[in-house]
Amino acid sequence: NEKIIEAIKETDFVIDSLYSDISLGTLGIEAASFGKPTVLAGYLHDTVGKYFSSTKSISPACYVHPNNIEEGIEKMITNHEYRN
């Protein structure tokens, strides 16, 4: 676990799951504790807006539809302001 924590600290963001039922898993929570956002995908993405009234309520992640994971990763790489 120490090696994973050190790797998280050295990166700009984390890529977690392609098919996640939640918008942030345990790896993403660990990354968030070090100020690192996470990219993950899942089918809940289609309805997540129903459960949160504000994007401030959503975890520090780029949660996309599984078909759009590459776009989510690209957004994290190219958009420094969004990533932060």
C-alpha atoms as a PDB file:
ATOM      1  CA  ASN A   1       0.000   0.000   0.000  1.00  0.00           C
ATOM      2  CA  GLU A   2       2.895   2.401   0.677  1.00  0.00           C
ATOM      3  CA  LYS A   3       4.067   2.077  -2.935  1.00  0.00           C
ATOM      4  CA  ILE A   4       0.584   2.866  -4.225  1.00  0.00           C
ATOM      5  CA  ILE A   5       0.318   5.906  -1.948  1.00  0.00           C
ATOM      6  CA  GLU A   6       3.697   7.168  -3.152  1.00  0.00           C
ATOM      7  CA  ALA A   7       2.638   6.686  -6.800  1.00  0.00           C
ATOM      8  CA  ILE A   8      -0.597   8.607  -6.160  1.00  0.00           C
ATOM      9  CA  LYS A   9       1.367  11.492  -4.634  1.00  0.00           C
ATOM     10  CA  GLU A  10       3.596  11.709  -7.725  1.00  0.00           C
ATOM     11  CA  THR A  11       0.820  11.779 -10.339  1.00  0.00           C
ATOM     12  CA  ASP A  12      -1.597  14.461 -11.560  1.00  0.00           C
ATOM     13  CA  PHE A  13      -4.644  12.155 -11.551  1.00  0.00           C
ATOM     14  CA  VAL A  14      -5.635   8.500 -11.196  1.00  0.00           C
ATOM     15  CA  ILE A  15      -7.469   6.217 -13.627  1.00  0.00           C
ATOM     16  CA  ASP A  16      -9.648   3.754 -11.730  1.00  0.00           C
ATOM     17  CA  SER A  17     -12.495   1.666 -13.183  1.00  0.00           C
ATOM     18  CA  LEU A  18     -14.109   1.204 -16.564  1.00  0.00           C
ATOM     19  CA  TYR A  19     -17.354  -0.181 -15.098  1.00  0.00           C
ATOM     20  CA  SER A  20     -18.113   1.311 -11.696  1.00  0.00           C
ATOM     21  CA  ASP A  21     -21.512   1.394  -9.997  1.00  0.00           C
ATOM     22  CA  ILE A  22     -20.384   4.368  -7.920  1.00  0.00           C
ATOM     23  CA  SER A  23     -18.838   7.681  -8.909  1.00  0.00           C
ATOM     24  CA  LEU A  24     -15.772   7.194  -6.681  1.00  0.00           C
ATOM     25  CA  GLY A  25     -14.265   3.988  -5.308  1.00  0.00           C
ATOM     26  CA  THR A  26     -11.689   3.331  -2.611  1.00  0.00           C
ATOM     27  CA  LEU A  27      -8.724   4.150  -4.870  1.00  0.00           C
ATOM     28  CA  GLY A  28     -10.377   7.445  -5.801  1.00  0.00           C
ATOM     29  CA  ILE A  29     -11.000   8.278  -2.148  1.00  0.00           C
ATOM     30  CA  GLU A  30      -7.333   7.668  -1.357  1.00  0.00           C
ATOM     31  CA  ALA A  31      -6.314   9.813  -4.338  1.00  0.00           C
ATOM     32  CA  ALA A  32      -8.698  12.590  -3.264  1.00  0.00           C
ATOM     33  CA  SER A  33      -7.115  12.648   0.181  1.00  0.00           C
ATOM     34  CA  PHE A  34      -3.900  13.727  -1.585  1.00  0.00           C
ATOM     35  CA  GLY A  35      -5.682  16.243  -3.830  1.00  0.00           C
ATOM     36  CA  LYS A  36      -5.648  14.009  -6.909  1.00  0.00           C
ATOM     37  CA  PRO A  37      -8.818  13.575  -9.011  1.00  0.00           C
ATOM     38  CA  THR A  38      -9.841  10.280 -10.571  1.00  0.00           C
ATOM     39  CA  VAL A  39     -11.142   9.248 -13.989  1.00  0.00           C
ATOM     40  CA  LEU A  40     -13.602   6.383 -13.944  1.00  0.00           C
ATOM     41  CA  ALA A  41     -16.573   5.198 -15.937  1.00  0.00           C
ATOM     42  CA  GLY A  42     -19.904   3.564 -15.308  1.00  0.00           C
ATOM     43  CA  TYR A  43     -23.484   3.398 -16.428  1.00  0.00           C
ATOM     44  CA  LEU A  44     -24.677   5.432 -13.430  1.00  0.00           C
ATOM     45  CA  HIS A  45     -23.154   8.369 -15.324  1.00  0.00           C
ATOM     46  CA  ASP A  46     -26.325   8.485 -17.404  1.00  0.00           C
ATOM     47  CA  THR A  47     -28.443   9.261 -14.321  1.00  0.00           C
ATOM     48  CA  VAL A  48     -26.035  10.824 -11.801  1.00  0.00           C
ATOM     49  CA  GLY A  49     -27.666  14.232 -12.314  1.00  0.00           C
ATOM     50  CA  LYS A  50     -30.858  12.866 -10.768  1.00  0.00           C
ATOM     51  CA  TYR A  51     -29.080  12.227  -7.484  1.00  0.00           C
ATOM     52  CA  PHE A  52     -27.065  15.429  -7.095  1.00  0.00           C
ATOM     53  CA  SER A  53     -28.513  18.925  -7.237  1.00  0.00           C
ATOM     54  CA  SER A  54     -25.088  20.519  -7.694  1.00  0.00           C
ATOM     55  CA  THR A  55     -21.774  19.448  -9.183  1.00  0.00           C
ATOM     56  CA  LYS A  56     -20.244  20.494  -5.854  1.00  0.00           C
ATOM     57  CA  SER A  57     -21.952  17.433  -4.366  1.00  0.00           C
ATOM     58  CA  ILE A  58     -20.196  15.089  -6.777  1.00  0.00           C
ATOM     59  CA  SER A  59     -16.914  13.471  -5.822  1.00  0.00           C
ATOM     60  CA  PRO A  60     -13.594  14.799  -7.184  1.00  0.00           C
ATOM     61  CA  ALA A  61     -13.740  12.619 -10.256  1.00  0.00           C
ATOM     62  CA  CYS A  62     -14.338  12.715 -13.953  1.00  0.00           C
ATOM     63  CA  TYR A  63     -17.135  10.129 -14.042  1.00  0.00           C
ATOM     64  CA  VAL A  64     -18.045   9.304 -17.628  1.00  0.00           C
ATOM     65  CA  HIS A  65     -20.017   6.745 -19.605  1.00  0.00           C
ATOM     66  CA  PRO A  66     -17.808   3.692 -20.384  1.00  0.00           C
ATOM     67  CA  ASN A  67     -17.869   4.591 -24.086  1.00  0.00           C
ATOM     68  CA  ASN A  68     -16.296   7.973 -23.240  1.00  0.00           C
ATOM     69  CA  ILE A  69     -13.412   6.924 -20.975  1.00  0.00           C
ATOM     70  CA  GLU A  70     -10.806   8.106 -23.495  1.00  0.00           C
ATOM     71  CA  GLU A  71     -12.434  11.552 -23.613  1.00  0.00           C
ATOM     72  CA  GLY A  72     -12.383  11.725 -19.799  1.00  0.00           C
ATOM     73  CA  ILE A  73      -8.687  10.851 -19.706  1.00  0.00           C
ATOM     74  CA  GLU A  74      -7.915  13.378 -22.435  1.00  0.00           C
ATOM     75  CA  LYS A  75      -9.821  16.084 -20.539  1.00  0.00           C
ATOM     76  CA  MET A  76      -7.751  15.400 -17.407  1.00  0.00           C
ATOM     77  CA  ILE A  77      -4.527  15.568 -19.403  1.00  0.00           C
ATOM     78  CA  THR A  78      -5.270  18.698 -21.408  1.00  0.00           C
ATOM     79  CA  ASN A  79      -7.414  20.795 -19.065  1.00  0.00           C
ATOM     80  CA  HIS A  80      -5.277  21.790 -16.076  1.00  0.00           C
ATOM     81  CA  GLU A  81      -7.996  24.036 -14.618  1.00  0.00           C
ATOM     82  CA  TYR A  82     -10.608  21.252 -14.739  1.00  0.00           C
ATOM     83  CA  ARG A  83      -8.161  18.774 -13.198  1.00  0.00           C
ATOM     84  CA  ASN A  84      -7.428  21.106 -10.310  1.00  0.00           C
END
